[in-house]
C-alpha atoms as a PDB file:
ATOM      1  CA  MET A   1     -39.933 -24.877 -11.695  1.00  0.00           C
ATOM      2  CA  SER A   2     -40.897 -28.481 -12.386  1.00  0.00           C
ATOM      3  CA  GLY A   3     -39.654 -29.786 -15.677  1.00  0.00           C
ATOM      4  CA  GLN A   4     -41.749 -31.818 -18.216  1.00  0.00           C
ATOM      5  CA  TYR A   5     -39.394 -33.490 -20.672  1.00  0.00           C
ATOM      6  CA  PRO A   6     -40.277 -35.363 -23.739  1.00  0.00           C
ATOM      7  CA  ILE A   7     -38.680 -38.674 -24.134  1.00  0.00           C
ATOM      8  CA  ARG A   8     -35.653 -37.549 -26.369  1.00  0.00           C
ATOM      9  CA  ALA A   9     -34.864 -34.786 -23.690  1.00  0.00           C
ATOM     10  CA  ALA A  10     -35.297 -37.550 -20.855  1.00  0.00           C
ATOM     11  CA  SER A  11     -32.732 -39.749 -22.707  1.00  0.00           C
ATOM     12  CA  ARG A  12     -30.175 -36.887 -22.993  1.00  0.00           C
ATOM     13  CA  LEU A  13     -30.580 -36.010 -19.304  1.00  0.00           C
ATOM     14  CA  THR A  14     -30.395 -39.611 -18.009  1.00  0.00           C
ATOM     15  CA  GLY A  15     -27.916 -41.005 -20.552  1.00  0.00           C
ATOM     16  CA  LEU A  16     -30.565 -43.835 -21.289  1.00  0.00           C
ATOM     17  CA  GLY A  17     -31.449 -45.001 -24.745  1.00  0.00           C
ATOM     18  CA  LEU A  18     -34.923 -44.425 -26.047  1.00  0.00           C
ATOM     19  CA  ASP A  19     -35.520 -48.181 -26.253  1.00  0.00           C
ATOM     20  CA  THR A  20     -34.147 -48.654 -22.863  1.00  0.00           C
ATOM     21  CA  LEU A  21     -36.596 -46.027 -21.443  1.00  0.00           C
ATOM     22  CA  ARG A  22     -39.522 -47.554 -23.083  1.00  0.00           C
ATOM     23  CA  ALA A  23     -38.561 -51.053 -21.908  1.00  0.00           C
ATOM     24  CA  TRP A  24     -37.997 -49.932 -18.310  1.00  0.00           C
ATOM     25  CA  GLU A  25     -41.467 -48.314 -18.323  1.00  0.00           C
ATOM     26  CA  ARG A  26     -43.446 -51.182 -20.057  1.00  0.00           C
ATOM     27  CA  ARG A  27     -41.760 -54.266 -18.891  1.00  0.00           C
ATOM     28  CA  TYR A  28     -40.736 -53.252 -15.313  1.00  0.00           C
ATOM     29  CA  LYS A  29     -42.915 -50.350 -14.525  1.00  0.00           C
ATOM     30  CA  ALA A  30     -39.821 -48.428 -13.351  1.00  0.00           C
ATOM     31  CA  VAL A  31     -41.429 -45.082 -13.890  1.00  0.00           C
ATOM     32  CA  THR A  32     -44.738 -43.735 -15.025  1.00  0.00           C
ATOM     33  CA  PRO A  33     -44.568 -40.706 -17.314  1.00  0.00           C
ATOM     34  CA  VAL A  34     -47.459 -38.573 -18.235  1.00  0.00           C
ATOM     35  CA  ARG A  35     -48.912 -39.382 -21.564  1.00  0.00           C
ATOM     36  CA  THR A  36     -50.147 -36.355 -23.630  1.00  0.00           C
ATOM     37  CA  GLU A  37     -50.816 -35.609 -27.363  1.00  0.00           C
ATOM     38  CA  ARG A  38     -47.076 -34.868 -27.638  1.00  0.00           C
ATOM     39  CA  GLY A  39     -46.259 -38.403 -26.291  1.00  0.00           C
ATOM     40  CA  ARG A  40     -44.550 -39.241 -22.988  1.00  0.00           C
ATOM     41  CA  LEU A  41     -43.529 -36.423 -20.653  1.00  0.00           C
ATOM     42  CA  TYR A  42     -41.158 -37.022 -17.803  1.00  0.00           C
ATOM     43  CA  GLY A  43     -41.141 -34.886 -14.679  1.00  0.00           C
ATOM     44  CA  ASP A  44     -38.233 -34.048 -12.394  1.00  0.00           C
ATOM     45  CA  ALA A  45     -39.090 -36.943 -10.076  1.00  0.00           C
ATOM     46  CA  GLU A  46     -39.035 -39.494 -12.961  1.00  0.00           C
ATOM     47  CA  ILE A  47     -35.624 -38.091 -14.326  1.00  0.00           C
ATOM     48  CA  ARG A  48     -34.101 -38.413 -10.773  1.00  0.00           C
ATOM     49  CA  ARG A  49     -35.512 -41.926 -10.391  1.00  0.00           C
ATOM     50  CA  LEU A  50     -34.186 -43.039 -13.838  1.00  0.00           C
ATOM     51  CA  LEU A  51     -30.696 -41.859 -12.840  1.00  0.00           C
ATOM     52  CA  LEU A  52     -30.769 -43.760  -9.641  1.00  0.00           C
ATOM     53  CA  LEU A  53     -31.809 -46.840 -11.540  1.00  0.00           C
ATOM     54  CA  ARG A  54     -29.068 -46.294 -13.954  1.00  0.00           C
ATOM     55  CA  ARG A  55     -26.422 -46.024 -11.314  1.00  0.00           C
ATOM     56  CA  ALA A  56     -27.766 -49.352  -9.766  1.00  0.00           C
ATOM     57  CA  VAL A  57     -27.595 -51.164 -13.084  1.00  0.00           C
ATOM     58  CA  GLU A  58     -24.034 -49.863 -13.874  1.00  0.00           C
ATOM     59  CA  SER A  59     -23.095 -51.164 -10.334  1.00  0.00           C
ATOM     60  CA  GLY A  60     -24.132 -54.709 -11.425  1.00  0.00           C
ATOM     61  CA  TYR A  61     -27.726 -55.022 -10.590  1.00  0.00           C
ATOM     62  CA  ALA A  62     -30.203 -56.137 -13.065  1.00  0.00           C
ATOM     63  CA  ILE A  63     -33.024 -53.787 -13.782  1.00  0.00           C
ATOM     64  CA  GLY A  64     -35.600 -56.358 -12.612  1.00  0.00           C
ATOM     65  CA  GLN A  65     -33.934 -56.425  -9.260  1.00  0.00           C
ATOM     66  CA  VAL A  66     -34.157 -52.672  -8.515  1.00  0.00           C
ATOM     67  CA  ALA A  67     -37.136 -51.422 -10.570  1.00  0.00           C
ATOM     68  CA  SER A  68     -39.569 -52.011  -7.795  1.00  0.00           C
ATOM     69  CA  ARG A  69     -37.399 -50.380  -4.963  1.00  0.00           C
ATOM     70  CA  SER A  70     -38.309 -47.059  -3.523  1.00  0.00           C
ATOM     71  CA  ASP A  71     -36.242 -43.848  -4.345  1.00  0.00           C
ATOM     72  CA  ALA A  72     -34.846 -43.917  -0.757  1.00  0.00           C
ATOM     73  CA  GLU A  73     -33.662 -47.504  -1.164  1.00  0.00           C
ATOM     74  CA  LEU A  74     -32.153 -46.486  -4.470  1.00  0.00           C
ATOM     75  CA  GLU A  75     -30.343 -43.610  -2.844  1.00  0.00           C
ATOM     76  CA  GLU A  76     -28.745 -45.932  -0.296  1.00  0.00           C
ATOM     77  CA  LEU A  77     -27.541 -48.118  -3.069  1.00  0.00           C
ATOM     78  CA  SER A  78     -26.094 -45.101  -4.915  1.00  0.00           C
ATOM     79  CA  ARG A  79     -24.237 -43.940  -1.880  1.00  0.00           C
ATOM     80  CA  ALA A  80     -22.793 -47.545  -1.392  1.00  0.00           C
ATOM     81  CA  PHE A  81     -21.341 -47.752  -5.025  1.00  0.00           C
ATOM     82  CA  LEU A  82     -20.688 -44.095  -6.024  1.00  0.00           C
ATOM     83  CA  PRO A  83     -16.851 -44.436  -6.346  1.00  0.00           C
ATOM     84  CA  SER A  84     -17.021 -47.484  -8.590  1.00  0.00           C
ATOM     85  CA  VAL A  85     -19.635 -46.052 -10.957  1.00  0.00           C
ATOM     86  CA  SER A  86     -17.606 -42.771 -11.295  1.00  0.00           C
ATOM     87  CA  GLN A  87     -14.535 -44.774 -12.336  1.00  0.00           C
ATOM     88  CA  ASN A  88     -16.269 -46.151 -15.322  1.00  0.00           C
ATOM     89  CA  ARG A  89     -18.251 -43.035 -16.270  1.00  0.00           C
ATOM     90  CA  PRO A  90     -17.886 -41.924 -19.913  1.00  0.00           C
ATOM     91  CA  GLN A  91     -17.026 -38.442 -20.796  1.00  0.00           C
ATOM     92  CA  SER A  92     -19.969 -36.116 -20.977  1.00  0.00           C
ATOM     93  CA  ASP A  93     -21.911 -36.418 -24.264  1.00  0.00           C
ATOM     94  CA  PRO A  94     -21.912 -33.111 -26.299  1.00  0.00           C
ATOM     95  CA  GLU A  95     -25.343 -34.182 -27.512  1.00  0.00           C
ATOM     96  CA  ALA A  96     -26.775 -33.391 -24.106  1.00  0.00           C
ATOM     97  CA  LEU A  97     -26.255 -29.719 -24.789  1.00  0.00           C
ATOM     98  CA  PRO A  98     -29.830 -29.241 -26.281  1.00  0.00           C
ATOM     99  CA  ALA A  99     -31.282 -30.195 -22.878  1.00  0.00           C
ATOM    100  CA  LEU A 100     -29.265 -27.269 -21.566  1.00  0.00           C
ATOM    101  CA  GLN A 101     -30.522 -24.791 -24.019  1.00  0.00           C
ATOM    102  CA  PRO A 102     -32.746 -22.755 -21.427  1.00  0.00           C
ATOM    103  CA  LEU A 103     -29.595 -22.352 -19.190  1.00  0.00           C
ATOM    104  CA  ILE A 104     -27.573 -21.277 -22.194  1.00  0.00           C
ATOM    105  CA  ASP A 105     -30.118 -18.721 -23.386  1.00  0.00           C
ATOM    106  CA  SER A 106     -30.160 -17.250 -19.805  1.00  0.00           C
ATOM    107  CA  ILE A 107     -26.286 -16.787 -20.019  1.00  0.00           C
ATOM    108  CA  HIS A 108     -26.507 -15.085 -23.210  1.00  0.00           C
ATOM    109  CA  SER A 109     -29.026 -12.762 -22.022  1.00  0.00           C
ATOM    110  CA  TYR A 110     -27.237 -11.961 -18.747  1.00  0.00           C
ATOM    111  CA  ASP A 111     -30.333 -13.100 -16.790  1.00  0.00           C
ATOM    112  CA  TYR A 112     -28.608 -13.872 -13.430  1.00  0.00           C
ATOM    113  CA  ALA A 113     -31.796 -14.957 -11.553  1.00  0.00           C
ATOM    114  CA  ALA A 114     -32.571 -17.361 -14.361  1.00  0.00           C
ATOM    115  CA  VAL A 115     -29.173 -18.831 -14.528  1.00  0.00           C
ATOM    116  CA  ASN A 116     -29.142 -19.267 -10.849  1.00  0.00           C
ATOM    117  CA  GLU A 117     -32.563 -20.978 -10.701  1.00  0.00           C
ATOM    118  CA  GLU A 118     -31.854 -23.335 -13.610  1.00  0.00           C
ATOM    119  CA  LEU A 119     -28.460 -24.426 -12.122  1.00  0.00           C
ATOM    120  CA  GLY A 120     -30.105 -25.013  -8.839  1.00  0.00           C
ATOM    121  CA  ARG A 121     -32.915 -26.929 -10.512  1.00  0.00           C
ATOM    122  CA  LEU A 122     -30.509 -29.132 -12.418  1.00  0.00           C
ATOM    123  CA  ALA A 123     -28.361 -29.805  -9.510  1.00  0.00           C
ATOM    124  CA  LEU A 124     -31.283 -30.885  -7.256  1.00  0.00           C
ATOM    125  CA  LEU A 125     -32.592 -33.092 -10.136  1.00  0.00           C
ATOM    126  CA  LEU A 126     -29.316 -34.761 -11.098  1.00  0.00           C
ATOM    127  CA  GLY A 127     -27.346 -34.891  -7.931  1.00  0.00           C
ATOM    128  CA  PRO A 128     -23.699 -33.578  -7.634  1.00  0.00           C
ATOM    129  CA  THR A 129     -21.919 -36.121  -9.645  1.00  0.00           C
ATOM    130  CA  ASP A 130     -24.357 -36.426 -12.684  1.00  0.00           C
ATOM    131  CA  PHE A 131     -24.738 -32.542 -12.437  1.00  0.00           C
ATOM    132  CA  VAL A 132     -21.029 -31.978 -12.949  1.00  0.00           C
ATOM    133  CA  HIS A 133     -20.665 -34.569 -15.849  1.00  0.00           C
ATOM    134  CA  THR A 134     -23.856 -33.609 -17.701  1.00  0.00           C
ATOM    135  CA  VAL A 135     -24.111 -29.876 -16.970  1.00  0.00           C
ATOM    136  CA  VAL A 136     -20.941 -28.324 -15.775  1.00  0.00           C
ATOM    137  CA  LEU A 137     -18.440 -30.038 -18.026  1.00  0.00           C
ATOM    138  CA  PRO A 138     -20.505 -29.421 -21.264  1.00  0.00           C
ATOM    139  CA  LEU A 139     -20.800 -25.846 -20.042  1.00  0.00           C
ATOM    140  CA  MET A 140     -17.010 -25.551 -19.626  1.00  0.00           C
ATOM    141  CA  ARG A 141     -16.600 -26.829 -23.297  1.00  0.00           C
ATOM    142  CA  LEU A 142     -19.119 -24.500 -24.581  1.00  0.00           C
ATOM    143  CA  ALA A 143     -17.652 -21.558 -22.794  1.00  0.00           C
ATOM    144  CA  GLY A 144     -14.243 -22.371 -24.229  1.00  0.00           C
ATOM    145  CA  ASP A 145     -15.687 -22.782 -27.799  1.00  0.00           C
ATOM    146  CA  ASN A 146     -17.647 -19.464 -27.435  1.00  0.00           C
ATOM    147  CA  TRP A 147     -14.683 -17.676 -26.056  1.00  0.00           C
ATOM    148  CA  ALA A 148     -12.703 -18.655 -28.954  1.00  0.00           C
ATOM    149  CA  SER A 149     -15.292 -17.474 -31.379  1.00  0.00           C
ATOM    150  CA  GLY A 150     -15.917 -14.201 -29.611  1.00  0.00           C
ATOM    151  CA  THR A 151     -19.549 -14.952 -28.746  1.00  0.00           C
ATOM    152  CA  PHE A 152     -18.753 -15.520 -25.016  1.00  0.00           C
ATOM    153  CA  HIS A 153     -17.628 -12.608 -22.958  1.00  0.00           C
ATOM    154  CA  ILE A 154     -15.755 -12.075 -19.725  1.00  0.00           C
ATOM    155  CA  ALA A 155     -18.883 -10.864 -17.912  1.00  0.00           C
ATOM    156  CA  GLN A 156     -20.815 -13.976 -18.795  1.00  0.00           C
ATOM    157  CA  GLU A 157     -18.093 -16.226 -17.491  1.00  0.00           C
ATOM    158  CA  HIS A 158     -17.932 -14.222 -14.279  1.00  0.00           C
ATOM    159  CA  MET A 159     -21.706 -14.363 -13.816  1.00  0.00           C
ATOM    160  CA  LEU A 160     -21.801 -18.195 -14.441  1.00  0.00           C
ATOM    161  CA  SER A 161     -18.923 -18.614 -12.056  1.00  0.00           C
ATOM    162  CA  ALA A 162     -20.561 -16.693  -9.320  1.00  0.00           C
ATOM    163  CA  CYS A 163     -23.792 -18.784  -9.780  1.00  0.00           C
ATOM    164  CA  MET A 164     -21.737 -22.001  -9.515  1.00  0.00           C
ATOM    165  CA  ARG A 165     -19.962 -20.675  -6.358  1.00  0.00           C
ATOM    166  CA  ASN A 166     -23.301 -19.953  -4.793  1.00  0.00           C
ATOM    167  CA  LEU A 167     -24.464 -23.517  -5.647  1.00  0.00           C
ATOM    168  CA  LEU A 168     -21.227 -25.018  -4.336  1.00  0.00           C
ATOM    169  CA  GLY A 169     -21.683 -23.153  -1.097  1.00  0.00           C
ATOM    170  CA  GLY A 170     -25.322 -24.702  -0.748  1.00  0.00           C
ATOM    171  CA  LEU A 171     -23.892 -28.221  -1.552  1.00  0.00           C
ATOM    172  CA  VAL A 172     -21.308 -27.813   1.186  1.00  0.00           C
ATOM    173  CA  ARG A 173     -23.797 -26.544   3.699  1.00  0.00           C
ATOM    174  CA  LEU A 174     -25.899 -29.687   3.053  1.00  0.00           C
ATOM    175  CA  GLN A 175     -22.845 -31.963   3.286  1.00  0.00           C
ATOM    176  CA  ARG A 176     -22.927 -34.602   5.983  1.00  0.00           C
ATOM    177  CA  THR A 177     -19.456 -35.601   6.836  1.00  0.00           C
ATOM    178  CA  GLY A 178     -18.106 -36.894  10.100  1.00  0.00           C
ATOM    179  CA  ASN A 179     -15.069 -35.670  11.914  1.00  0.00           C
ATOM    180  CA  GLY A 180     -12.945 -38.243  10.224  1.00  0.00           C
ATOM    181  CA  ALA A 181     -13.742 -37.050   6.686  1.00  0.00           C
ATOM    182  CA  LEU A 182     -10.895 -36.484   4.373  1.00  0.00           C
ATOM    183  CA  LYS A 183     -10.098 -33.042   3.291  1.00  0.00           C
ATOM    184  CA  ILE A 184      -9.544 -31.384  -0.090  1.00  0.00           C
ATOM    185  CA  LEU A 185      -8.284 -27.882  -0.745  1.00  0.00           C
ATOM    186  CA  LEU A 186      -8.866 -26.461  -4.154  1.00  0.00           C
ATOM    187  CA  THR A 187      -7.488 -23.289  -5.821  1.00  0.00           C
ATOM    188  CA  THR A 188      -5.484 -21.936  -8.775  1.00  0.00           C
ATOM    189  CA  PRO A 189      -2.045 -20.368  -8.968  1.00  0.00           C
ATOM    190  CA  PRO A 190      -1.369 -16.579  -9.456  1.00  0.00           C
ATOM    191  CA  GLY A 191      -2.715 -15.358 -12.843  1.00  0.00           C
ATOM    192  CA  GLU A 192      -5.031 -18.227 -13.239  1.00  0.00           C
ATOM    193  CA  LEU A 193      -8.505 -16.757 -13.246  1.00  0.00           C
ATOM    194  CA  HIS A 194     -10.509 -19.627 -14.578  1.00  0.00           C
ATOM    195  CA  GLU A 195     -12.173 -21.460 -11.930  1.00  0.00           C
ATOM    196  CA  PHE A 196     -14.836 -23.685 -13.729  1.00  0.00           C
ATOM    197  CA  GLY A 197     -12.576 -26.650 -13.400  1.00  0.00           C
ATOM    198  CA  ILE A 198     -11.937 -26.408  -9.660  1.00  0.00           C
ATOM    199  CA  LEU A 199     -15.607 -25.653  -9.071  1.00  0.00           C
ATOM    200  CA  ALA A 200     -16.615 -28.760 -10.791  1.00  0.00           C
ATOM    201  CA  ALA A 201     -13.944 -30.721  -8.825  1.00  0.00           C
ATOM    202  CA  ALA A 202     -15.181 -29.298  -5.551  1.00  0.00           C
ATOM    203  CA  MET A 203     -18.731 -30.399  -6.397  1.00  0.00           C
ATOM    204  CA  LEU A 204     -17.416 -34.031  -7.189  1.00  0.00           C
ATOM    205  CA  ALA A 205     -15.429 -34.123  -3.801  1.00  0.00           C
ATOM    206  CA  VAL A 206     -18.542 -33.094  -2.051  1.00  0.00           C
ATOM    207  CA  ALA A 207     -20.402 -35.970  -3.790  1.00  0.00           C
ATOM    208  CA  HIS A 208     -17.698 -38.289  -2.516  1.00  0.00           C
ATOM    209  CA  GLU A 209     -18.266 -37.094   1.070  1.00  0.00           C
ATOM    210  CA  PHE A 210     -14.925 -35.100   1.321  1.00  0.00           C
ATOM    211  CA  GLN A 211     -14.672 -31.922   3.364  1.00  0.00           C
ATOM    212  CA  VAL A 212     -14.044 -29.242   0.830  1.00  0.00           C
ATOM    213  CA  ALA A 213     -11.966 -26.055   1.356  1.00  0.00           C
ATOM    214  CA  TYR A 214     -12.659 -23.957  -1.832  1.00  0.00           C
ATOM    215  CA  LEU A 215     -10.234 -20.874  -1.975  1.00  0.00           C
ATOM    216  CA  GLY A 216     -11.123 -19.621  -5.288  1.00  0.00           C
ATOM    217  CA  PRO A 217      -8.836 -18.773  -8.154  1.00  0.00           C
ATOM    218  CA  ASN A 218      -5.568 -16.632  -8.429  1.00  0.00           C
ATOM    219  CA  LEU A 219      -3.902 -17.631  -5.084  1.00  0.00           C
ATOM    220  CA  PRO A 220      -0.073 -17.066  -4.461  1.00  0.00           C
ATOM    221  CA  ALA A 221       1.970 -20.093  -3.371  1.00  0.00           C
ATOM    222  CA  ARG A 222       2.552 -18.536   0.083  1.00  0.00           C
ATOM    223  CA  GLU A 223      -1.025 -18.226   0.787  1.00  0.00           C
ATOM    224  CA  ILE A 224      -1.669 -21.820  -0.474  1.00  0.00           C
ATOM    225  CA  LEU A 225       1.016 -22.965   1.971  1.00  0.00           C
ATOM    226  CA  ASN A 226      -0.308 -20.954   4.789  1.00  0.00           C
ATOM    227  CA  ALA A 227      -3.872 -22.361   4.260  1.00  0.00           C
ATOM    228  CA  SER A 228      -2.522 -25.943   4.073  1.00  0.00           C
ATOM    229  CA  GLU A 229      -0.579 -25.550   7.224  1.00  0.00           C
ATOM    230  CA  LYS A 230      -3.681 -24.374   9.135  1.00  0.00           C
ATOM    231  CA  SER A 231      -6.124 -26.845   7.696  1.00  0.00           C
ATOM    232  CA  VAL A 232      -3.847 -29.797   6.861  1.00  0.00           C
ATOM    233  CA  PRO A 233      -5.783 -31.231   4.047  1.00  0.00           C
ATOM    234  CA  ASN A 234      -5.229 -34.690   2.508  1.00  0.00           C
ATOM    235  CA  ALA A 235      -4.661 -33.147  -0.892  1.00  0.00           C
ATOM    236  CA  VAL A 236      -4.275 -29.725  -2.602  1.00  0.00           C
ATOM    237  CA  VAL A 237      -5.793 -29.555  -6.023  1.00  0.00           C
ATOM    238  CA  LEU A 238      -4.498 -26.714  -8.502  1.00  0.00           C
ATOM    239  CA  GLY A 239      -6.297 -26.071 -11.672  1.00  0.00           C
ATOM    240  CA  ILE A 240      -3.989 -24.589 -14.579  1.00  0.00           C
ATOM    241  CA  MET A 241      -4.972 -23.678 -18.080  1.00  0.00           C
ATOM    242  CA  GLU A 242      -2.450 -24.446 -20.946  1.00  0.00           C
ATOM    243  CA  THR A 243      -2.046 -20.614 -21.658  1.00  0.00           C
ATOM    244  CA  ASN A 244      -0.972 -20.046 -18.000  1.00  0.00           C
ATOM    245  CA  ALA A 245       1.577 -22.829 -17.797  1.00  0.00           C
ATOM    246  CA  THR A 246       4.284 -20.227 -17.605  1.00  0.00           C
ATOM    247  CA  PRO A 247       7.868 -20.355 -15.986  1.00  0.00           C
ATOM    248  CA  ALA A 248       6.385 -18.358 -13.101  1.00  0.00           C
ATOM    249  CA  ILE A 249       3.604 -20.887 -12.628  1.00  0.00           C
ATOM    250  CA  ARG A 250       6.166 -23.840 -12.795  1.00  0.00           C
ATOM    251  CA  ASP A 251       8.129 -22.177 -10.062  1.00  0.00           C
ATOM    252  CA  ASP A 252       5.060 -21.800  -7.908  1.00  0.00           C
ATOM    253  CA  VAL A 253       4.120 -25.330  -8.473  1.00  0.00           C
ATOM    254  CA  HIS A 254       7.842 -26.455  -7.672  1.00  0.00           C
ATOM    255  CA  ARG A 255       7.677 -24.381  -4.435  1.00  0.00           C
ATOM    256  CA  LEU A 256       4.476 -26.101  -3.369  1.00  0.00           C
ATOM    257  CA  SER A 257       5.732 -29.588  -4.036  1.00  0.00           C
ATOM    258  CA  SER A 258       8.784 -28.839  -2.098  1.00  0.00           C
ATOM    259  CA  GLU A 259       7.174 -27.067   0.946  1.00  0.00           C
ATOM    260  CA  LEU A 260       3.894 -28.812   1.455  1.00  0.00           C
ATOM    261  CA  LEU A 261       3.832 -31.083   4.460  1.00  0.00           C
ATOM    262  CA  PRO A 262       4.978 -34.510   3.353  1.00  0.00           C
ATOM    263  CA  ALA A 263       1.523 -36.145   4.157  1.00  0.00           C
ATOM    264  CA  ILE A 264      -0.327 -33.602   1.781  1.00  0.00           C
ATOM    265  CA  GLU A 265      -0.618 -34.779  -1.787  1.00  0.00           C
ATOM    266  CA  LEU A 266      -0.519 -32.279  -4.635  1.00  0.00           C
ATOM    267  CA  TRP A 267      -2.882 -32.814  -7.530  1.00  0.00           C
ATOM    268  CA  VAL A 268      -2.674 -30.680 -10.665  1.00  0.00           C
ATOM    269  CA  GLY A 269      -5.417 -30.574 -13.325  1.00  0.00           C
ATOM    270  CA  GLY A 270      -6.380 -28.648 -16.445  1.00  0.00           C
ATOM    271  CA  SER A 271      -4.843 -28.458 -19.791  1.00  0.00           C
ATOM    272  CA  GLY A 272      -1.612 -26.859 -18.495  1.00  0.00           C
ATOM    273  CA  ALA A 273      -1.051 -29.390 -15.752  1.00  0.00           C
ATOM    274  CA  ALA A 274       1.405 -31.633 -17.381  1.00  0.00           C
ATOM    275  CA  GLY A 275       3.743 -28.674 -18.398  1.00  0.00           C
ATOM    276  CA  ALA A 276       3.485 -27.185 -14.938  1.00  0.00           C
ATOM    277  CA  VAL A 277       4.940 -30.197 -13.013  1.00  0.00           C
ATOM    278  CA  ASP A 278       8.060 -30.650 -15.008  1.00  0.00           C
ATOM    279  CA  HIS A 279      10.994 -31.634 -12.836  1.00  0.00           C
ATOM    280  CA  SER A 280       8.955 -31.646  -9.627  1.00  0.00           C
ATOM    281  CA  PRO A 281      11.108 -32.952  -6.631  1.00  0.00           C
ATOM    282  CA  ARG A 282       7.920 -34.448  -4.919  1.00  0.00           C
ATOM    283  CA  GLY A 283       6.967 -38.086  -4.988  1.00  0.00           C
ATOM    284  CA  ASN A 284       3.297 -37.619  -4.220  1.00  0.00           C
ATOM    285  CA  ILE A 285       2.320 -35.118  -6.895  1.00  0.00           C
ATOM    286  CA  PHE A 286      -0.270 -36.255  -9.477  1.00  0.00           C
ATOM    287  CA  VAL A 287      -1.238 -34.895 -12.816  1.00  0.00           C
ATOM    288  CA  LEU A 288      -5.041 -35.270 -13.344  1.00  0.00           C
ATOM    289  CA  GLU A 289      -6.166 -36.193 -16.788  1.00  0.00           C
ATOM    290  CA  ASP A 290      -9.606 -35.255 -16.440  1.00  0.00           C
ATOM    291  CA  MET A 291     -12.613 -35.318 -14.090  1.00  0.00           C
ATOM    292  CA  ILE A 292     -12.894 -39.038 -14.213  1.00  0.00           C
ATOM    293  CA  ASP A 293      -9.281 -39.286 -13.327  1.00  0.00           C
ATOM    294  CA  PHE A 294      -9.971 -36.834 -10.413  1.00  0.00           C
ATOM    295  CA  GLU A 295     -12.622 -39.130  -9.054  1.00  0.00           C
ATOM    296  CA  ARG A 296     -10.209 -42.224  -9.351  1.00  0.00           C
ATOM    297  CA  HIS A 297      -7.944 -40.300  -7.161  1.00  0.00           C
ATOM    298  CA  LEU A 298     -10.621 -39.494  -4.740  1.00  0.00           C
ATOM    299  CA  ALA A 299     -11.513 -43.197  -4.590  1.00  0.00           C
ATOM    300  CA  ARG A 300      -7.810 -44.060  -4.163  1.00  0.00           C
ATOM    301  CA  LEU A 301      -7.240 -41.604  -1.467  1.00  0.00           C
ATOM    302  CA  ARG A 302     -10.183 -42.842   0.523  1.00  0.00           C
ATOM    303  CA  ALA A 303      -9.164 -46.478   0.069  1.00  0.00           C
ATOM    304  CA  SER A 304      -5.724 -45.750   1.200  1.00  0.00           C
ATOM    305  CA  HIS A 305      -7.063 -44.172   4.486  1.00  0.00           C
ATOM    306  CA  SER A 306      -9.753 -46.748   5.021  1.00  0.00           C
ATOM    307  CA  LYS A 307      -7.563 -49.752   3.918  1.00  0.00           C
ATOM    308  CA  GLU A 308     -10.423 -50.895   1.708  1.00  0.00           C
ATOM    309  CA  PRO A 309      -9.694 -52.004  -1.924  1.00  0.00           C
ATOM    310  CA  ILE A 310     -10.583 -49.499  -4.564  1.00  0.00           C
ATOM    311  CA  ARG A 311     -13.734 -50.759  -6.475  1.00  0.00           C
END
């Protein structure tokens, strides 16, 4: 379903201030929203174009240089400077949550079809990178808050995870990577059932044109090692919550850091990451602070293999 967003909702979805939206429209004719009795209404196409323009401006272009370019030209620019934009991206703004209200309402009412449709629409509208930062990460925080308050249930988390897995599968199928693309394997250790984090990371890896092997949660160390030996990824990514950073999990992380092939990096993210990698014997193990840090490591890994400087 095509969206029609008033200017405040458009501001939340694009991360652009109200004055900026008005200036880009009036002075540069960047977009042409529909005018009604309610004021400006921005469609999905306008929101997508504004996001592309924002990326160009964040990369160093003046709005006057890019406002007249076609969406296809802006897409080319976006692909060229995606890593550098991601490195400077701010953390997701909690004030964006009102724009997600239809999705949140569908989760609360267990409306699987509506959740699936809305996630797909937002992913198409925003693109994988912005989708993760403006939709998935706020939803992760919301799920955690609602879990703590008792208003979010296991079945709702499972439903949302299933929808996100479906969406990730679609993104991977549409992925255009050559034979030389770098590979990322993502999973969680035994007992870690929360997969929002590794799902979000997988989507970001797709956006950065990595080949993604998503193995889901709750995987024993021996299975991770077996999968790594067969697929030989450039990095294995583990997600660990603080409540699951147990001695047994630390032992599993220690085993992985000891037995993974030397060329395979081990990245550990989540609130329990720092506690899970204590006394690791491995030199190329990295603790991921957040999704922005994850994107920095994607850019670092690509640069190390292409011999290009990290921008």
